[in-house]
Amino acid sequence: MSAVGKNGTVGGAEHDAAMTTFTIIPSGAFSLREAAEFGFGQRTAERFDGVFRLAFCVDGYGAQVGVELRQDPQGVHGIVHGSGQQVDIPAVRSQVARVLSLDHDAQGFADVGSRDPVIGRLQAVAPGLLPPLFYSPYEAAIWSVLSARRTGHQMAEVRRRLSAQHGRVFDLAGQRTAALPTPEQLLGVGEFPGINAEKMTRMHAIARAALTGRLDADRLRSLGPEITTQEMLHLKGIGPFYASLITIRAVGFADIPPVDEPIVRELVTRLYHLPEPCTPERFLEIADAWRPYRTWASVLIRAAASRLDSHEPSAIGA
């Protein structure tokens, strides 16, 4: 992935015209529509109107930004709204690239489709679908605590209200979009409707961990997925499921096979015409052809398998 854009800082009120732009040039097939319409975690799947709106805490937690993303044949273009803050635009651009999985060589993923006809078929019906990630391990960990033993829809609304009241709100292409409170802002929230005392205590612990650098995405990526998952388990309120969620869907590792996800194994059983249910061992054998994109291939299977129903099933595995 190569990227070009304006460096510097931005300032001004939320509705000021003072904005800074950047462009990310994908190295392979990429669809901003697929990213925008991919719902997971606190992000709802909404119909794409040409703009993907992001609002998040910038890595390092010194600022929050709103970003309008648009795509044309020249690349993915971002307009950054900084709302009076000193914003590191290269850092924002880098973080957006990670969120969109554009910090990897997507051309290599096309090679996986050439090696494996099933993945190739899925890529054909969902061209440019790459896994969108949480904005950061910090935001993923906060969501993990919020959503534990609660419905995702209910807690997404709680997160939205928390962000609007204690974070920062941006006007992005005609829509108001709120960024989660920074760790420092969150530590100033004593209580909030919909968040019980235990959850708030755990969220405060995550905020303190973030401020010490324990949730820094670059640091965690350098540690590798196994150590990252173990470190996430040390956060109070984060069990094995959510530790894996943070590792896979926030840090940005592209080659972690989700062996323990039964839905993915069920889909592999169907797509690969296996005579019996796919075991973890058989899954790893099949997934070996997806290296070094086993995470991406697994997300593609789960997200796009249903689209094959309207295509020729005989082509699967041919």
Protein backbone atom coordinates (compact mmCIF):
# COMPACT_ATOMS: atom_id res chain seq x y z
CA MET A 1 0.00 0.00 0.00
CA SER A 2 1.27 3.43 -0.89
CA ALA A 3 -0.28 6.66 0.28
CA VAL A 4 0.07 10.31 -0.47
CA GLY A 5 -1.54 13.28 1.22
CA LYS A 6 -1.10 16.62 2.93
CA ASN A 7 0.88 16.67 6.14
CA GLY A 8 0.28 19.14 8.91
CA THR A 9 -2.36 20.15 11.39
CA VAL A 10 -5.97 21.23 11.20
CA GLY A 11 -8.00 23.42 13.47
CA GLY A 12 -11.22 25.35 13.76
CA ALA A 13 -14.75 24.68 14.88
CA GLU A 14 -16.76 21.66 13.87
CA HIS A 15 -18.33 23.38 10.84
CA ASP A 16 -15.25 25.34 9.69
CA ALA A 17 -14.00 24.92 6.16
CA ALA A 18 -10.47 24.32 7.49
CA MET A 19 -9.98 20.67 6.63
CA THR A 20 -7.07 18.54 5.51
CA THR A 21 -7.19 15.77 2.93
CA PHE A 22 -5.27 12.61 2.16
CA THR A 23 -5.39 9.83 -0.39
CA ILE A 24 -4.71 6.12 0.05
CA ILE A 25 -3.96 4.15 -3.09
CA PRO A 26 -4.96 0.48 -2.62
CA SER A 27 -2.41 -2.04 -3.84
CA GLY A 28 -5.13 -4.42 -5.02
CA ALA A 29 -8.89 -4.75 -5.34
CA PHE A 30 -10.72 -2.70 -2.72
CA SER A 31 -14.33 -1.55 -2.40
CA LEU A 32 -15.21 1.28 -0.04
CA ARG A 33 -18.86 0.32 -0.48
CA GLU A 34 -18.15 -3.15 0.90
CA ALA A 35 -16.37 -1.65 3.91
CA ALA A 36 -19.16 0.84 4.60
CA GLU A 37 -21.93 -1.76 4.34
CA PHE A 38 -20.08 -4.32 6.45
CA GLY A 39 -21.75 -4.24 9.86
CA PHE A 40 -20.00 -5.58 12.95
CA GLY A 41 -19.55 -4.62 16.56
CA GLN A 42 -20.96 -1.18 17.24
CA ARG A 43 -20.95 -0.33 13.52
CA THR A 44 -24.32 -0.78 11.83
CA ALA A 45 -24.56 -1.89 8.21
CA GLU A 46 -26.04 1.07 6.38
CA ARG A 47 -26.74 1.63 2.70
CA PHE A 48 -23.74 3.31 1.10
CA ASP A 49 -24.45 6.80 -0.21
CA GLY A 50 -20.98 7.40 -1.62
CA VAL A 51 -19.44 8.52 1.69
CA PHE A 52 -18.07 6.33 4.48
CA ARG A 53 -18.16 8.37 7.70
CA LEU A 54 -15.68 7.58 10.48
CA ALA A 55 -15.30 9.24 13.88
CA PHE A 56 -12.67 7.97 16.27
CA CYS A 57 -9.91 8.59 18.80
CA VAL A 58 -6.61 9.04 17.01
CA ASP A 59 -3.90 6.59 18.03
CA GLY A 60 -2.17 8.08 21.06
CA TYR A 61 -5.54 9.51 22.23
CA GLY A 62 -4.55 13.16 21.95
CA ALA A 63 -7.40 14.00 19.61
CA GLN A 64 -10.60 12.81 18.00
CA VAL A 65 -11.37 13.25 14.33
CA GLY A 66 -14.18 12.79 11.88
CA VAL A 67 -13.24 11.52 8.43
CA GLU A 68 -15.28 11.50 5.23
CA LEU A 69 -14.07 8.82 2.83
CA ARG A 70 -14.86 8.63 -0.89
CA GLN A 71 -13.44 6.39 -3.58
CA ASP A 72 -12.72 6.93 -7.26
CA PRO A 73 -10.37 5.23 -9.74
CA GLN A 74 -7.45 7.24 -8.32
CA GLY A 75 -7.86 5.92 -4.78
CA VAL A 76 -9.62 6.40 -1.45
CA HIS A 77 -9.81 10.07 -0.50
CA GLY A 78 -10.26 11.33 3.04
CA ILE A 79 -11.38 14.69 4.36
CA VAL A 80 -10.35 15.11 7.99
CA HIS A 81 -12.38 17.23 10.41
CA GLY A 82 -10.30 18.10 13.44
CA SER A 83 -12.61 20.52 15.26
CA GLY A 84 -10.02 22.86 16.75
CA GLN A 85 -7.45 20.23 17.70
CA GLN A 86 -3.86 19.74 16.67
CA VAL A 87 -4.16 16.66 14.49
CA ASP A 88 -1.35 14.53 13.08
CA ILE A 89 -2.66 13.91 9.56
CA PRO A 90 -0.13 11.17 8.67
CA ALA A 91 -1.21 9.34 11.84
CA VAL A 92 -4.88 9.67 10.86
CA ARG A 93 -4.13 8.42 7.36
CA SER A 94 -2.20 5.45 8.75
CA GLN A 95 -5.01 4.59 11.16
CA VAL A 96 -7.65 4.78 8.43
CA ALA A 97 -5.51 2.48 6.28
CA ARG A 98 -5.42 -0.03 9.14
CA VAL A 99 -9.18 0.23 9.69
CA LEU A 100 -9.78 -0.50 5.99
CA SER A 101 -7.12 -3.28 5.88
CA LEU A 102 -5.25 -1.18 3.32
CA ASP A 103 -2.02 -1.41 5.30
CA HIS A 104 -1.40 -4.82 3.71
CA ASP A 105 -0.60 -5.86 0.15
CA ALA A 106 -4.07 -6.65 -1.17
CA GLN A 107 -2.61 -7.94 -4.44
CA GLY A 108 -1.34 -10.94 -2.51
CA PHE A 109 -4.92 -11.72 -1.53
CA ALA A 110 -5.84 -11.96 -5.20
CA ASP A 111 -3.17 -14.64 -5.51
CA VAL A 112 -5.01 -16.66 -2.85
CA GLY A 113 -8.08 -16.63 -5.08
CA SER A 114 -5.98 -17.95 -7.94
CA ARG A 115 -4.76 -20.85 -5.81
CA ASP A 116 -8.11 -21.71 -4.23
CA PRO A 117 -11.16 -21.77 -6.56
CA VAL A 118 -13.60 -21.32 -3.67
CA ILE A 119 -11.91 -18.14 -2.47
CA GLY A 120 -11.63 -17.00 -6.08
CA ARG A 121 -15.37 -17.48 -6.56
CA LEU A 122 -16.13 -15.51 -3.39
CA GLN A 123 -13.83 -12.71 -4.52
CA ALA A 124 -15.74 -12.60 -7.80
CA VAL A 125 -19.13 -12.12 -6.11
CA ALA A 126 -17.74 -9.69 -3.49
CA PRO A 127 -15.00 -7.82 -5.36
CA GLY A 128 -12.82 -5.68 -3.16
CA LEU A 129 -14.22 -6.91 0.14
CA LEU A 130 -11.50 -6.60 2.76
CA PRO A 131 -12.12 -6.90 6.52
CA PRO A 132 -12.93 -3.54 8.13
CA LEU A 133 -11.56 -3.26 11.65
CA PHE A 134 -12.40 -1.49 14.88
CA TYR A 135 -10.79 1.93 15.06
CA SER A 136 -8.28 0.73 17.66
CA PRO A 137 -7.70 -1.96 20.28
CA TYR A 138 -8.89 0.60 22.86
CA GLU A 139 -12.23 1.07 21.12
CA ALA A 140 -12.60 -2.68 20.57
CA ALA A 141 -11.95 -3.36 24.26
CA ILE A 142 -14.51 -0.74 25.32
CA TRP A 143 -17.06 -2.30 22.98
CA SER A 144 -16.26 -5.75 24.37
CA VAL A 145 -17.10 -4.64 27.90
CA LEU A 146 -20.20 -2.75 26.80
CA SER A 147 -21.66 -5.56 24.74
CA ALA A 148 -20.93 -8.47 27.08
CA ARG A 149 -24.21 -10.26 27.87
CA ARG A 150 -26.21 -7.49 26.16
CA THR A 151 -27.70 -7.20 22.69
CA GLY A 152 -25.45 -5.50 20.19
CA HIS A 153 -28.20 -3.14 18.99
CA GLN A 154 -28.99 -1.99 22.53
CA MET A 155 -25.38 -1.33 23.46
CA ALA A 156 -24.58 0.34 20.14
CA GLU A 157 -27.17 2.94 21.10
CA VAL A 158 -25.60 3.31 24.55
CA ARG A 159 -22.20 3.79 22.93
CA ARG A 160 -23.65 6.39 20.56
CA ARG A 161 -25.16 8.38 23.43
CA LEU A 162 -21.98 8.09 25.50
CA SER A 163 -19.93 9.34 22.55
CA ALA A 164 -22.30 12.21 21.79
CA GLN A 165 -22.34 13.40 25.40
CA HIS A 166 -18.74 12.81 26.48
CA GLY A 167 -16.77 12.38 23.24
CA ARG A 168 -16.85 14.64 20.20
CA VAL A 169 -19.46 15.06 17.47
CA PHE A 170 -18.63 15.87 13.85
CA ASP A 171 -20.81 16.91 10.95
CA LEU A 172 -19.72 14.51 8.20
CA ALA A 173 -21.34 15.02 4.81
CA GLY A 174 -24.60 16.09 6.40
CA GLN A 175 -24.69 13.49 9.17
CA ARG A 176 -23.70 14.00 12.80
CA THR A 177 -21.27 11.28 13.83
CA ALA A 178 -19.81 10.94 17.33
CA ALA A 179 -16.35 9.72 18.33
CA LEU A 180 -15.90 7.66 21.49
CA PRO A 181 -14.51 9.54 24.50
CA THR A 182 -10.73 9.43 24.74
CA PRO A 183 -9.38 7.43 27.69
CA GLU A 184 -8.87 10.67 29.62
CA GLN A 185 -12.42 11.83 28.90
CA LEU A 186 -13.82 8.43 29.83
CA LEU A 187 -12.08 8.49 33.20
CA GLY A 188 -14.05 11.65 33.92
CA VAL A 189 -17.39 9.86 33.46
CA GLY A 190 -18.59 8.54 36.81
CA GLU A 191 -21.86 7.00 35.69
CA PHE A 192 -24.00 6.83 32.58
CA PRO A 193 -27.49 5.49 31.80
CA GLY A 194 -27.30 1.95 30.44
CA ILE A 195 -23.85 1.25 31.88
CA ASN A 196 -23.83 -0.37 35.29
CA ALA A 197 -21.16 0.29 37.90
CA GLU A 198 -19.22 -2.90 37.16
CA LYS A 199 -19.02 -2.17 33.44
CA MET A 200 -17.95 1.40 34.13
CA THR A 201 -15.20 0.17 36.46
CA ARG A 202 -13.94 -2.17 33.75
CA MET A 203 -14.10 0.57 31.12
CA HIS A 204 -12.06 2.83 33.38
CA ALA A 205 -9.47 0.06 33.75
CA ILE A 206 -9.25 -0.19 29.95
CA ALA A 207 -8.85 3.58 29.71
CA ARG A 208 -5.96 3.49 32.18
CA ALA A 209 -4.36 0.59 30.28
CA ALA A 210 -4.65 2.59 27.06
CA LEU A 211 -2.98 5.63 28.61
CA THR A 212 0.01 3.49 29.63
CA GLY A 213 0.44 2.26 26.04
CA ARG A 214 -0.69 -1.31 26.65
CA LEU A 215 -3.30 -1.06 23.88
CA ASP A 216 -1.09 0.60 21.28
CA ALA A 217 -1.82 -1.14 17.96
CA ASP A 218 1.76 -1.00 16.66
CA ARG A 219 3.09 -2.40 19.91
CA LEU A 220 0.60 -5.27 19.90
CA ARG A 221 1.27 -6.07 16.27
CA SER A 222 4.98 -6.33 17.04
CA LEU A 223 4.21 -8.82 19.82
CA GLY A 224 2.31 -11.18 17.52
CA PRO A 225 -1.20 -12.62 17.86
CA GLU A 226 -0.56 -15.16 20.61
CA ILE A 227 1.05 -12.73 23.04
CA THR A 228 -1.50 -10.05 22.15
CA THR A 229 -4.38 -12.36 23.01
CA GLN A 230 -2.76 -13.28 26.32
CA GLU A 231 -2.26 -9.60 27.16
CA MET A 232 -5.91 -8.84 26.39
CA LEU A 233 -6.97 -11.59 28.78
CA HIS A 234 -5.32 -9.61 31.57
CA LEU A 235 -7.89 -6.84 31.09
CA LYS A 236 -10.70 -7.25 33.59
CA GLY A 237 -13.91 -8.23 31.83
CA ILE A 238 -12.17 -9.53 28.69
CA GLY A 239 -12.55 -13.27 28.25
CA PRO A 240 -11.22 -15.55 25.47
CA PHE A 241 -13.87 -14.58 22.91
CA TYR A 242 -13.32 -10.84 23.26
CA ALA A 243 -9.55 -11.23 23.56
CA SER A 244 -9.59 -12.90 20.16
CA LEU A 245 -11.94 -10.23 18.82
CA ILE A 246 -9.50 -7.48 19.79
CA THR A 247 -6.55 -9.39 18.38
CA ILE A 248 -8.16 -10.22 15.04
CA ARG A 249 -10.52 -7.31 14.41
CA ALA A 250 -8.63 -4.37 15.94
CA VAL A 251 -4.86 -4.97 15.77
CA GLY A 252 -5.05 -6.02 12.14
CA PHE A 253 -3.36 -9.41 11.92
CA ALA A 254 -4.23 -10.82 8.50
CA ASP A 255 -3.22 -14.46 8.97
CA ILE A 256 -5.04 -15.83 12.01
CA PRO A 257 -7.28 -18.79 11.12
CA PRO A 258 -10.47 -18.73 13.26
CA VAL A 259 -10.37 -22.43 14.04
CA ASP A 260 -12.87 -22.14 16.88
CA GLU A 261 -15.62 -20.36 14.90
CA PRO A 262 -18.25 -23.04 14.16
CA ILE A 263 -20.10 -20.86 11.63
CA VAL A 264 -17.01 -20.52 9.46
CA ARG A 265 -16.34 -24.26 9.66
CA GLU A 266 -19.96 -24.99 8.70
CA LEU A 267 -19.61 -22.74 5.67
CA VAL A 268 -16.34 -24.45 4.73
CA THR A 269 -18.11 -27.79 4.93
CA ARG A 270 -20.71 -26.60 2.44
CA LEU A 271 -18.49 -24.62 0.08
CA TYR A 272 -15.84 -27.32 -0.18
CA HIS A 273 -18.39 -30.17 -0.42
CA LEU A 274 -16.88 -32.02 2.52
CA PRO A 275 -18.45 -35.42 3.21
CA GLU A 276 -18.60 -34.71 6.95
CA PRO A 277 -18.54 -31.61 9.21
CA CYS A 278 -15.27 -29.71 9.01
CA THR A 279 -13.08 -30.36 12.02
CA PRO A 280 -10.55 -27.84 13.29
CA GLU A 281 -7.79 -30.02 11.87
CA ARG A 282 -9.43 -30.21 8.43
CA PHE A 283 -10.06 -26.47 8.53
CA LEU A 284 -6.36 -25.79 9.07
CA GLU A 285 -5.48 -28.08 6.16
CA ILE A 286 -7.81 -26.20 3.81
CA ALA A 287 -6.78 -22.81 5.16
CA ASP A 288 -3.11 -23.52 4.48
CA ALA A 289 -3.72 -22.41 0.88
CA TRP A 290 -4.91 -19.01 2.15
CA ARG A 291 -1.60 -18.01 3.74
CA PRO A 292 -0.73 -15.26 4.58
CA TYR A 293 -4.37 -14.10 4.50
CA ARG A 294 -6.20 -16.74 6.52
CA THR A 295 -8.08 -14.08 8.49
CA TRP A 296 -9.15 -12.26 5.33
CA ALA A 297 -10.27 -15.46 3.63
CA SER A 298 -12.30 -16.49 6.67
CA VAL A 299 -14.02 -13.10 6.83
CA LEU A 300 -14.76 -13.31 3.11
CA ILE A 301 -16.31 -16.76 3.55
CA ARG A 302 -18.56 -15.59 6.35
CA ALA A 303 -19.54 -12.33 4.64
CA ALA A 304 -20.02 -13.48 1.06
CA ALA A 305 -21.00 -17.16 1.10
CA SER A 306 -24.71 -16.30 0.94
CA ARG A 307 -24.14 -14.36 -2.29
CA LEU A 308 -23.24 -17.55 -4.06
CA ASP A 309 -26.81 -18.80 -3.71
CA SER A 310 -27.82 -16.70 -6.72
CA HIS A 311 -24.85 -17.91 -8.78
CA GLU A 312 -23.99 -21.26 -10.26
CA PRO A 313 -23.36 -23.64 -7.31
CA SER A 314 -21.66 -26.12 -9.62
CA ALA A 315 -18.80 -23.67 -10.02
CA ILE A 316 -17.90 -23.92 -6.35
CA GLY A 317 -14.80 -25.98 -5.90
CA ALA A 318 -14.59 -26.69 -9.64
